[in-house]
């Protein structure tokens, strides 16, 4: 998953790898034919993925902003062999190393200072 312009923090890389691995065993159908909405079958459940909205009915994609296993399966169908690079385009840029470092570069005071 190392893509030179999109280096993610290690935990995000691990989540992407795990989701891609799980997604490889799922069956995907593009019922609407618009390459946007997909139905994903497997693991005892059926989910709906909307790649344009970056959402999945399992809600993991919606909450952590990294493609879940269902979304990676849909990307695999849409992008073919090149989907490993496209998962970065569907992930939040906050997981990029430089963005992550900027977010935590200043101290965060959880409790207000006594003077305030």
C-alpha atoms as a PDB file:
ATOM      1  CA  UNK A   1       0.000   0.000   0.000  1.00  0.00           C
ATOM      2  CA  UNK A   2       2.959   2.338  -0.078  1.00  0.00           C
ATOM      3  CA  UNK A   3       1.996   5.068  -2.527  1.00  0.00           C
ATOM      4  CA  UNK A   4       4.576   7.836  -2.531  1.00  0.00           C
ATOM      5  CA  UNK A   5       2.175  10.812  -2.500  1.00  0.00           C
ATOM      6  CA  UNK A   6      -0.211   9.287   0.032  1.00  0.00           C
ATOM      7  CA  UNK A   7       1.817   7.902   2.897  1.00  0.00           C
ATOM      8  CA  UNK A   8      -0.607   7.291   5.742  1.00  0.00           C
ATOM      9  CA  UNK A   9       0.130   6.820   9.420  1.00  0.00           C
ATOM     10  CA  UNK A  10       0.854   3.200  10.261  1.00  0.00           C
ATOM     11  CA  UNK A  11      -2.482   2.420  11.938  1.00  0.00           C
ATOM     12  CA  UNK A  12      -4.405   3.727   8.915  1.00  0.00           C
ATOM     13  CA  UNK A  13      -2.202   1.615   6.616  1.00  0.00           C
ATOM     14  CA  UNK A  14      -2.970  -1.444   8.756  1.00  0.00           C
ATOM     15  CA  UNK A  15      -6.712  -0.761   8.647  1.00  0.00           C
ATOM     16  CA  UNK A  16      -6.565  -0.377   4.844  1.00  0.00           C
ATOM     17  CA  UNK A  17      -4.613  -3.634   4.447  1.00  0.00           C
ATOM     18  CA  UNK A  18      -6.989  -5.537   6.724  1.00  0.00           C
ATOM     19  CA  UNK A  19     -10.077  -4.162   4.984  1.00  0.00           C
ATOM     20  CA  UNK A  20      -8.669  -4.979   1.548  1.00  0.00           C
ATOM     21  CA  UNK A  21      -7.882  -8.514   2.668  1.00  0.00           C
ATOM     22  CA  UNK A  22     -11.403  -9.016   4.065  1.00  0.00           C
ATOM     23  CA  UNK A  23     -12.940  -7.379   1.002  1.00  0.00           C
ATOM     24  CA  UNK A  24     -11.248  -9.861  -1.322  1.00  0.00           C
ATOM     25  CA  UNK A  25     -13.600 -12.605  -0.101  1.00  0.00           C
ATOM     26  CA  UNK A  26     -16.812 -10.622  -0.667  1.00  0.00           C
ATOM     27  CA  UNK A  27     -19.093 -10.794  -3.692  1.00  0.00           C
ATOM     28  CA  UNK A  28     -20.105  -7.463  -5.262  1.00  0.00           C
ATOM     29  CA  UNK A  29     -22.868  -6.527  -7.689  1.00  0.00           C
ATOM     30  CA  UNK A  30     -23.417  -3.216  -9.397  1.00  0.00           C
ATOM     31  CA  UNK A  31     -27.190  -3.361  -9.527  1.00  0.00           C
ATOM     32  CA  UNK A  32     -27.787   0.238 -10.605  1.00  0.00           C
ATOM     33  CA  UNK A  33     -25.127   0.158 -13.347  1.00  0.00           C
ATOM     34  CA  UNK A  34     -23.866   3.649 -12.496  1.00  0.00           C
ATOM     35  CA  UNK A  35     -20.508   2.600 -10.958  1.00  0.00           C
ATOM     36  CA  UNK A  36     -21.486   4.494  -7.844  1.00  0.00           C
ATOM     37  CA  UNK A  37     -23.786   2.213  -5.866  1.00  0.00           C
ATOM     38  CA  UNK A  38     -22.925  -1.388  -5.120  1.00  0.00           C
ATOM     39  CA  UNK A  39     -24.468  -4.264  -3.193  1.00  0.00           C
ATOM     40  CA  UNK A  40     -21.934  -6.375  -1.317  1.00  0.00           C
ATOM     41  CA  UNK A  41     -22.700  -9.927  -0.174  1.00  0.00           C
ATOM     42  CA  UNK A  42     -20.762 -12.017   2.295  1.00  0.00           C
ATOM     43  CA  UNK A  43     -20.077 -12.766   5.942  1.00  0.00           C
ATOM     44  CA  UNK A  44     -23.762 -13.398   6.542  1.00  0.00           C
ATOM     45  CA  UNK A  45     -24.877  -9.872   5.650  1.00  0.00           C
ATOM     46  CA  UNK A  46     -25.691  -7.691   2.680  1.00  0.00           C
ATOM     47  CA  UNK A  47     -24.520  -4.086   2.582  1.00  0.00           C
ATOM     48  CA  UNK A  48     -25.026  -1.126   0.295  1.00  0.00           C
ATOM     49  CA  UNK A  49     -21.993   0.957  -0.681  1.00  0.00           C
ATOM     50  CA  UNK A  50     -22.155   4.386  -2.290  1.00  0.00           C
ATOM     51  CA  UNK A  51     -18.691   5.397  -3.466  1.00  0.00           C
ATOM     52  CA  UNK A  52     -19.701   8.926  -4.443  1.00  0.00           C
ATOM     53  CA  UNK A  53     -21.130   9.609  -0.977  1.00  0.00           C
ATOM     54  CA  UNK A  54     -18.315   7.589   0.626  1.00  0.00           C
ATOM     55  CA  UNK A  55     -20.741   5.622   2.724  1.00  0.00           C
ATOM     56  CA  UNK A  56     -21.644   2.041   3.553  1.00  0.00           C
ATOM     57  CA  UNK A  57     -24.670   0.658   5.349  1.00  0.00           C
ATOM     58  CA  UNK A  58     -22.327  -0.970   7.907  1.00  0.00           C
ATOM     59  CA  UNK A  59     -21.433   2.638   8.915  1.00  0.00           C
ATOM     60  CA  UNK A  60     -17.684   1.959   9.367  1.00  0.00           C
ATOM     61  CA  UNK A  61     -16.783   3.850   6.174  1.00  0.00           C
ATOM     62  CA  UNK A  62     -18.986   6.761   7.300  1.00  0.00           C
ATOM     63  CA  UNK A  63     -17.475   6.951  10.783  1.00  0.00           C
ATOM     64  CA  UNK A  64     -13.727   6.477  10.353  1.00  0.00           C
ATOM     65  CA  UNK A  65     -13.477   7.821   6.774  1.00  0.00           C
ATOM     66  CA  UNK A  66     -11.397   4.853   5.581  1.00  0.00           C
ATOM     67  CA  UNK A  67     -12.983   2.400   3.117  1.00  0.00           C
ATOM     68  CA  UNK A  68     -14.399  -0.574   5.028  1.00  0.00           C
ATOM     69  CA  UNK A  69     -14.078  -4.116   3.678  1.00  0.00           C
ATOM     70  CA  UNK A  70     -17.351  -3.688   1.747  1.00  0.00           C
ATOM     71  CA  UNK A  71     -16.147  -0.451   0.136  1.00  0.00           C
ATOM     72  CA  UNK A  72     -12.785  -1.993  -0.813  1.00  0.00           C
ATOM     73  CA  UNK A  73     -14.679  -4.859  -2.459  1.00  0.00           C
ATOM     74  CA  UNK A  74     -16.743  -2.312  -4.439  1.00  0.00           C
ATOM     75  CA  UNK A  75     -13.554  -0.469  -5.412  1.00  0.00           C
ATOM     76  CA  UNK A  76     -12.028  -3.749  -6.554  1.00  0.00           C
ATOM     77  CA  UNK A  77     -14.984  -4.291  -8.911  1.00  0.00           C
ATOM     78  CA  UNK A  78     -14.929  -0.692 -10.163  1.00  0.00           C
ATOM     79  CA  UNK A  79     -11.156  -0.179 -10.512  1.00  0.00           C
ATOM     80  CA  UNK A  80      -9.893  -3.684 -11.230  1.00  0.00           C
ATOM     81  CA  UNK A  81      -6.297  -4.464 -10.340  1.00  0.00           C
ATOM     82  CA  UNK A  82      -5.543  -0.788  -9.676  1.00  0.00           C
ATOM     83  CA  UNK A  83      -7.889  -0.525  -6.690  1.00  0.00           C
ATOM     84  CA  UNK A  84      -5.008  -0.793  -4.196  1.00  0.00           C
ATOM     85  CA  UNK A  85      -3.940   2.746  -5.083  1.00  0.00           C
ATOM     86  CA  UNK A  86      -7.475   4.125  -5.253  1.00  0.00           C
ATOM     87  CA  UNK A  87      -8.285   3.361  -1.595  1.00  0.00           C
ATOM     88  CA  UNK A  88      -6.244   6.435  -0.703  1.00  0.00           C
ATOM     89  CA  UNK A  89      -8.513   8.637  -2.816  1.00  0.00           C
ATOM     90  CA  UNK A  90     -11.518   7.416  -0.819  1.00  0.00           C
ATOM     91  CA  UNK A  91      -9.844   7.883   2.578  1.00  0.00           C
ATOM     92  CA  UNK A  92      -9.764  11.050   4.617  1.00  0.00           C
ATOM     93  CA  UNK A  93      -6.624  13.131   4.019  1.00  0.00           C
ATOM     94  CA  UNK A  94      -6.363  13.469   7.810  1.00  0.00           C
ATOM     95  CA  UNK A  95      -4.622  10.086   7.841  1.00  0.00           C
ATOM     96  CA  UNK A  96      -1.724  11.352   5.737  1.00  0.00           C
ATOM     97  CA  UNK A  97       1.447  11.604   7.796  1.00  0.00           C
ATOM     98  CA  UNK A  98       1.923  15.330   7.207  1.00  0.00           C
ATOM     99  CA  UNK A  99      -1.729  16.152   8.037  1.00  0.00           C
ATOM    100  CA  UNK A 100      -1.608  13.991  11.147  1.00  0.00           C
ATOM    101  CA  UNK A 101       1.550  15.718  12.369  1.00  0.00           C
ATOM    102  CA  UNK A 102       0.050  19.165  11.746  1.00  0.00           C
ATOM    103  CA  UNK A 103      -3.070  18.264  13.725  1.00  0.00           C
ATOM    104  CA  UNK A 104      -0.988  17.359  16.768  1.00  0.00           C
ATOM    105  CA  UNK A 105       1.847  19.870  16.378  1.00  0.00           C
ATOM    106  CA  UNK A 106       0.428  22.217  19.015  1.00  0.00           C
ATOM    107  CA  UNK A 107      -0.387  21.193  22.552  1.00  0.00           C
ATOM    108  CA  UNK A 108      -3.982  20.426  23.325  1.00  0.00           C
ATOM    109  CA  UNK A 109      -5.261  21.519  26.738  1.00  0.00           C
ATOM    110  CA  UNK A 110      -8.033  19.178  27.722  1.00  0.00           C
ATOM    111  CA  UNK A 111      -8.744  21.083  30.923  1.00  0.00           C
ATOM    112  CA  UNK A 112      -8.757  24.887  30.897  1.00  0.00           C
ATOM    113  CA  UNK A 113      -5.851  26.542  32.675  1.00  0.00           C
ATOM    114  CA  UNK A 114      -6.513  27.597  36.275  1.00  0.00           C
ATOM    115  CA  UNK A 115      -6.057  31.238  35.313  1.00  0.00           C
ATOM    116  CA  UNK A 116      -9.143  30.998  33.073  1.00  0.00           C
END
